[in-house]
Amino acid sequence: MAENESENPKKPISVYDILAILIEQLSAVAWQKLGLQHDPVTGTLSTDLVEAKVAIDVTANLVQQLESQLDEEDKRRVQSLVRDLRINYVQKSQGTSS
C-alpha cells in the first residue's frame, strides 16, 4: 500500500474542487425544488420556487467563480446547466410545463 501512495501522492483539496462539488449539489437541490426530480428523503415531487431561485442563483454565482479554472468543454457544460435551470424556473414560474 505504501508503494501506491508514493506513486499517487495525495494533494490537498483545492477551493475549486469544493466549488465543483457545491455546484453539483446545489443544482440537484434546484431540480428538486423545481419539482423536476424526486426529493431523495421523501421520494416525492414538490415545488418550492422561492428555494429553487435561491439554489439557481447561488449555483450561477459559484459557476462564475469556477469558470476560470475550467477547460472549454467543462465551461460549456456548467453554463448549460445554469441556463437549463433558469429556463425551467421561468417555465415553472409562468405555469407552463416543458
N, C-alpha and C. Protein backbone atom coordinates (compact mmCIF):
# COMPACT_ATOMS: atom_id res chain seq x y z
N MET A 1 0.82 -1.19 0.00
CA MET A 1 0.00 0.00 0.00
C MET A 1 0.87 1.25 0.00
N ALA A 2 1.98 1.21 0.68
CA ALA A 2 2.87 2.38 0.73
C ALA A 2 3.40 2.73 -0.65
N GLU A 3 3.60 1.70 -1.49
CA GLU A 3 4.08 1.98 -2.85
C GLU A 3 3.03 2.73 -3.65
N ASN A 4 1.77 2.34 -3.52
CA ASN A 4 0.69 3.05 -4.22
C ASN A 4 0.61 4.49 -3.80
N GLU A 5 0.77 4.75 -2.51
CA GLU A 5 0.69 6.11 -2.02
C GLU A 5 1.84 6.97 -2.56
N SER A 6 3.02 6.37 -2.74
CA SER A 6 4.13 7.15 -3.27
C SER A 6 3.97 7.38 -4.77
N GLU A 7 3.30 6.44 -5.46
CA GLU A 7 3.05 6.62 -6.90
C GLU A 7 1.99 7.69 -7.14
N ASN A 8 1.01 7.76 -6.28
CA ASN A 8 -0.08 8.73 -6.39
C ASN A 8 -0.11 9.57 -5.11
N PRO A 9 0.80 10.51 -5.00
CA PRO A 9 0.83 11.30 -3.77
C PRO A 9 -0.46 12.09 -3.59
N LYS A 10 -0.90 12.18 -2.36
CA LYS A 10 -2.12 12.92 -2.06
C LYS A 10 -1.83 14.41 -2.13
N LYS A 11 -2.77 15.13 -2.68
CA LYS A 11 -2.63 16.58 -2.72
C LYS A 11 -3.82 17.19 -1.99
N PRO A 12 -3.65 18.34 -1.43
CA PRO A 12 -4.76 18.96 -0.70
C PRO A 12 -5.90 19.32 -1.65
N ILE A 13 -7.10 19.24 -1.14
CA ILE A 13 -8.26 19.61 -1.96
C ILE A 13 -8.23 21.13 -2.17
N SER A 14 -8.52 21.53 -3.38
CA SER A 14 -8.50 22.96 -3.68
C SER A 14 -9.90 23.56 -3.51
N VAL A 15 -9.94 24.84 -3.41
CA VAL A 15 -11.22 25.53 -3.31
C VAL A 15 -12.03 25.29 -4.59
N TYR A 16 -11.37 25.10 -5.71
CA TYR A 16 -12.07 24.85 -6.97
C TYR A 16 -12.73 23.47 -6.98
N ASP A 17 -12.09 22.50 -6.32
CA ASP A 17 -12.72 21.19 -6.16
C ASP A 17 -13.98 21.31 -5.32
N ILE A 18 -13.90 22.09 -4.28
CA ILE A 18 -15.06 22.31 -3.40
C ILE A 18 -16.18 23.01 -4.18
N LEU A 19 -15.82 24.01 -4.98
CA LEU A 19 -16.83 24.71 -5.79
C LEU A 19 -17.54 23.76 -6.73
N ALA A 20 -16.80 22.86 -7.37
CA ALA A 20 -17.40 21.89 -8.29
C ALA A 20 -18.38 20.99 -7.55
N ILE A 21 -18.02 20.57 -6.35
CA ILE A 21 -18.91 19.72 -5.54
C ILE A 21 -20.17 20.50 -5.16
N LEU A 22 -19.99 21.73 -4.73
CA LEU A 22 -21.13 22.55 -4.34
C LEU A 22 -22.07 22.82 -5.51
N ILE A 23 -21.50 23.06 -6.69
CA ILE A 23 -22.33 23.29 -7.89
C ILE A 23 -23.17 22.06 -8.17
N GLU A 24 -22.56 20.90 -8.09
CA GLU A 24 -23.29 19.66 -8.34
C GLU A 24 -24.42 19.47 -7.32
N GLN A 25 -24.12 19.70 -6.06
CA GLN A 25 -25.12 19.51 -5.02
C GLN A 25 -26.24 20.54 -5.10
N LEU A 26 -25.89 21.80 -5.28
CA LEU A 26 -26.92 22.85 -5.35
C LEU A 26 -27.79 22.72 -6.58
N SER A 27 -27.21 22.31 -7.70
CA SER A 27 -28.03 22.14 -8.90
C SER A 27 -29.01 20.99 -8.70
N ALA A 28 -28.60 19.94 -8.00
CA ALA A 28 -29.52 18.83 -7.71
C ALA A 28 -30.67 19.32 -6.83
N VAL A 29 -30.37 20.15 -5.85
CA VAL A 29 -31.41 20.73 -4.99
C VAL A 29 -32.34 21.61 -5.83
N ALA A 30 -31.77 22.39 -6.73
CA ALA A 30 -32.59 23.26 -7.59
C ALA A 30 -33.57 22.44 -8.42
N TRP A 31 -33.11 21.35 -9.02
CA TRP A 31 -34.00 20.49 -9.80
C TRP A 31 -35.12 19.93 -8.92
N GLN A 32 -34.77 19.56 -7.68
CA GLN A 32 -35.79 19.05 -6.76
C GLN A 32 -36.80 20.13 -6.41
N LYS A 33 -36.32 21.34 -6.12
CA LYS A 33 -37.21 22.43 -5.73
C LYS A 33 -38.07 22.90 -6.90
N LEU A 34 -37.60 22.67 -8.11
CA LEU A 34 -38.41 22.97 -9.29
C LEU A 34 -39.50 21.91 -9.50
N GLY A 35 -39.42 20.84 -8.73
CA GLY A 35 -40.39 19.76 -8.86
C GLY A 35 -40.11 18.85 -10.04
N LEU A 36 -38.86 18.85 -10.50
CA LEU A 36 -38.49 18.06 -11.68
C LEU A 36 -37.70 16.81 -11.33
N GLN A 37 -37.31 16.70 -10.08
CA GLN A 37 -36.66 15.48 -9.57
C GLN A 37 -37.26 15.16 -8.21
N HIS A 38 -37.32 13.89 -7.91
CA HIS A 38 -37.85 13.47 -6.61
C HIS A 38 -36.90 13.87 -5.48
N ASP A 39 -37.49 14.26 -4.38
CA ASP A 39 -36.72 14.54 -3.18
C ASP A 39 -36.18 13.20 -2.67
N PRO A 40 -34.87 13.08 -2.47
CA PRO A 40 -34.31 11.78 -2.06
C PRO A 40 -34.74 11.36 -0.65
N VAL A 41 -35.14 12.30 0.17
CA VAL A 41 -35.56 11.98 1.53
C VAL A 41 -37.00 11.49 1.56
N THR A 42 -37.89 12.24 0.90
CA THR A 42 -39.32 11.90 0.95
C THR A 42 -39.76 11.03 -0.22
N GLY A 43 -39.00 11.06 -1.31
CA GLY A 43 -39.38 10.31 -2.50
C GLY A 43 -40.50 10.96 -3.29
N THR A 44 -40.86 12.18 -2.93
CA THR A 44 -41.98 12.87 -3.59
C THR A 44 -41.47 13.99 -4.48
N LEU A 45 -42.36 14.43 -5.36
CA LEU A 45 -42.10 15.62 -6.17
C LEU A 45 -42.85 16.78 -5.53
N SER A 46 -42.17 17.85 -5.26
CA SER A 46 -42.83 19.05 -4.75
C SER A 46 -42.09 20.26 -5.29
N THR A 47 -42.82 21.35 -5.39
CA THR A 47 -42.25 22.57 -5.97
C THR A 47 -42.18 23.67 -4.92
N ASP A 48 -41.04 24.31 -4.84
CA ASP A 48 -40.84 25.48 -3.99
C ASP A 48 -39.99 26.45 -4.80
N LEU A 49 -40.68 27.34 -5.52
CA LEU A 49 -39.97 28.23 -6.45
C LEU A 49 -39.08 29.25 -5.75
N VAL A 50 -39.41 29.63 -4.53
CA VAL A 50 -38.56 30.56 -3.79
C VAL A 50 -37.21 29.90 -3.51
N GLU A 51 -37.25 28.67 -3.00
CA GLU A 51 -36.00 27.98 -2.72
C GLU A 51 -35.27 27.59 -4.01
N ALA A 52 -36.02 27.26 -5.06
CA ALA A 52 -35.40 26.94 -6.35
C ALA A 52 -34.60 28.13 -6.86
N LYS A 53 -35.18 29.33 -6.75
CA LYS A 53 -34.49 30.53 -7.23
C LYS A 53 -33.20 30.76 -6.46
N VAL A 54 -33.23 30.58 -5.15
CA VAL A 54 -32.02 30.75 -4.35
C VAL A 54 -30.96 29.75 -4.79
N ALA A 55 -31.35 28.49 -4.95
CA ALA A 55 -30.39 27.45 -5.36
C ALA A 55 -29.82 27.75 -6.74
N ILE A 56 -30.65 28.23 -7.66
CA ILE A 56 -30.19 28.55 -9.02
C ILE A 56 -29.24 29.75 -8.99
N ASP A 57 -29.62 30.79 -8.25
CA ASP A 57 -28.77 31.99 -8.18
C ASP A 57 -27.41 31.67 -7.56
N VAL A 58 -27.39 30.89 -6.50
CA VAL A 58 -26.12 30.55 -5.86
C VAL A 58 -25.30 29.65 -6.77
N THR A 59 -25.96 28.71 -7.45
CA THR A 59 -25.25 27.86 -8.42
C THR A 59 -24.59 28.72 -9.49
N ALA A 60 -25.32 29.69 -10.03
CA ALA A 60 -24.78 30.58 -11.06
C ALA A 60 -23.57 31.37 -10.54
N ASN A 61 -23.65 31.83 -9.31
CA ASN A 61 -22.53 32.58 -8.73
C ASN A 61 -21.31 31.68 -8.53
N LEU A 62 -21.52 30.46 -8.10
CA LEU A 62 -20.41 29.52 -7.94
C LEU A 62 -19.78 29.19 -9.29
N VAL A 63 -20.61 29.03 -10.30
CA VAL A 63 -20.09 28.76 -11.65
C VAL A 63 -19.20 29.91 -12.11
N GLN A 64 -19.61 31.14 -11.86
CA GLN A 64 -18.78 32.30 -12.24
C GLN A 64 -17.40 32.24 -11.58
N GLN A 65 -17.36 31.81 -10.34
CA GLN A 65 -16.09 31.72 -9.63
C GLN A 65 -15.21 30.59 -10.16
N LEU A 66 -15.83 29.53 -10.66
CA LEU A 66 -15.09 28.35 -11.10
C LEU A 66 -14.65 28.41 -12.56
N GLU A 67 -15.36 29.17 -13.37
CA GLU A 67 -15.13 29.16 -14.82
C GLU A 67 -13.69 29.37 -15.25
N SER A 68 -12.97 30.21 -14.57
CA SER A 68 -11.59 30.50 -14.99
C SER A 68 -10.69 29.28 -14.86
N GLN A 69 -11.10 28.30 -14.10
CA GLN A 69 -10.29 27.09 -13.89
C GLN A 69 -10.69 25.94 -14.81
N LEU A 70 -11.70 26.14 -15.64
CA LEU A 70 -12.24 25.06 -16.46
C LEU A 70 -11.76 25.13 -17.89
N ASP A 71 -11.68 23.95 -18.53
CA ASP A 71 -11.43 23.94 -19.96
C ASP A 71 -12.74 24.30 -20.68
N GLU A 72 -12.67 24.50 -21.97
CA GLU A 72 -13.84 24.98 -22.72
C GLU A 72 -15.03 24.03 -22.62
N GLU A 73 -14.79 22.75 -22.68
CA GLU A 73 -15.88 21.77 -22.62
C GLU A 73 -16.60 21.83 -21.26
N ASP A 74 -15.84 21.84 -20.19
CA ASP A 74 -16.45 21.92 -18.86
C ASP A 74 -17.14 23.26 -18.64
N LYS A 75 -16.56 24.32 -19.19
CA LYS A 75 -17.17 25.64 -19.08
C LYS A 75 -18.54 25.64 -19.77
N ARG A 76 -18.62 25.07 -20.96
CA ARG A 76 -19.90 24.98 -21.67
C ARG A 76 -20.90 24.13 -20.89
N ARG A 77 -20.41 23.06 -20.27
CA ARG A 77 -21.29 22.16 -19.52
C ARG A 77 -21.92 22.89 -18.33
N VAL A 78 -21.13 23.62 -17.55
CA VAL A 78 -21.70 24.29 -16.39
C VAL A 78 -22.57 25.49 -16.80
N GLN A 79 -22.20 26.16 -17.89
CA GLN A 79 -23.03 27.25 -18.38
C GLN A 79 -24.38 26.72 -18.87
N SER A 80 -24.37 25.56 -19.51
CA SER A 80 -25.61 24.93 -19.96
C SER A 80 -26.47 24.52 -18.78
N LEU A 81 -25.83 24.04 -17.74
CA LEU A 81 -26.55 23.65 -16.54
C LEU A 81 -27.31 24.85 -15.97
N VAL A 82 -26.63 25.97 -15.82
CA VAL A 82 -27.28 27.17 -15.28
C VAL A 82 -28.39 27.64 -16.22
N ARG A 83 -28.12 27.64 -17.52
CA ARG A 83 -29.14 28.05 -18.49
C ARG A 83 -30.38 27.16 -18.39
N ASP A 84 -30.19 25.85 -18.32
CA ASP A 84 -31.31 24.92 -18.22
C ASP A 84 -32.11 25.12 -16.93
N LEU A 85 -31.41 25.35 -15.84
CA LEU A 85 -32.10 25.62 -14.58
C LEU A 85 -32.94 26.89 -14.70
N ARG A 86 -32.36 27.93 -15.28
CA ARG A 86 -33.08 29.21 -15.40
C ARG A 86 -34.30 29.08 -16.33
N ILE A 87 -34.14 28.38 -17.42
CA ILE A 87 -35.26 28.17 -18.35
C ILE A 87 -36.39 27.43 -17.65
N ASN A 88 -36.04 26.38 -16.93
CA ASN A 88 -37.07 25.61 -16.23
C ASN A 88 -37.71 26.42 -15.12
N TYR A 89 -36.94 27.28 -14.46
CA TYR A 89 -37.51 28.16 -13.44
C TYR A 89 -38.56 29.09 -14.06
N VAL A 90 -38.21 29.70 -15.17
CA VAL A 90 -39.15 30.62 -15.84
C VAL A 90 -40.41 29.87 -16.26
N GLN A 91 -40.24 28.68 -16.82
CA GLN A 91 -41.41 27.90 -17.23
C GLN A 91 -42.29 27.55 -16.04
N LYS A 92 -41.68 27.14 -14.95
CA LYS A 92 -42.46 26.80 -13.75
C LYS A 92 -43.13 28.05 -13.17
N SER A 93 -42.43 29.18 -13.21
CA SER A 93 -42.99 30.43 -12.67
C SER A 93 -44.21 30.89 -13.46
N GLN A 94 -44.18 30.61 -14.75
CA GLN A 94 -45.28 31.03 -15.61
C GLN A 94 -46.36 29.97 -15.69
N GLY A 95 -46.15 28.86 -15.02
CA GLY A 95 -47.16 27.81 -15.01
C GLY A 95 -47.18 26.95 -16.25
N THR A 96 -46.11 27.05 -17.06
CA THR A 96 -46.02 26.20 -18.26
C THR A 96 -45.15 25.00 -17.95
N SER A 97 -45.40 23.92 -18.64
CA SER A 97 -44.57 22.74 -18.45
C SER A 97 -43.70 22.53 -19.68
N SER A 98 -42.58 21.84 -19.47
CA SER A 98 -41.65 21.64 -20.57
C SER A 98 -42.02 20.50 -21.45
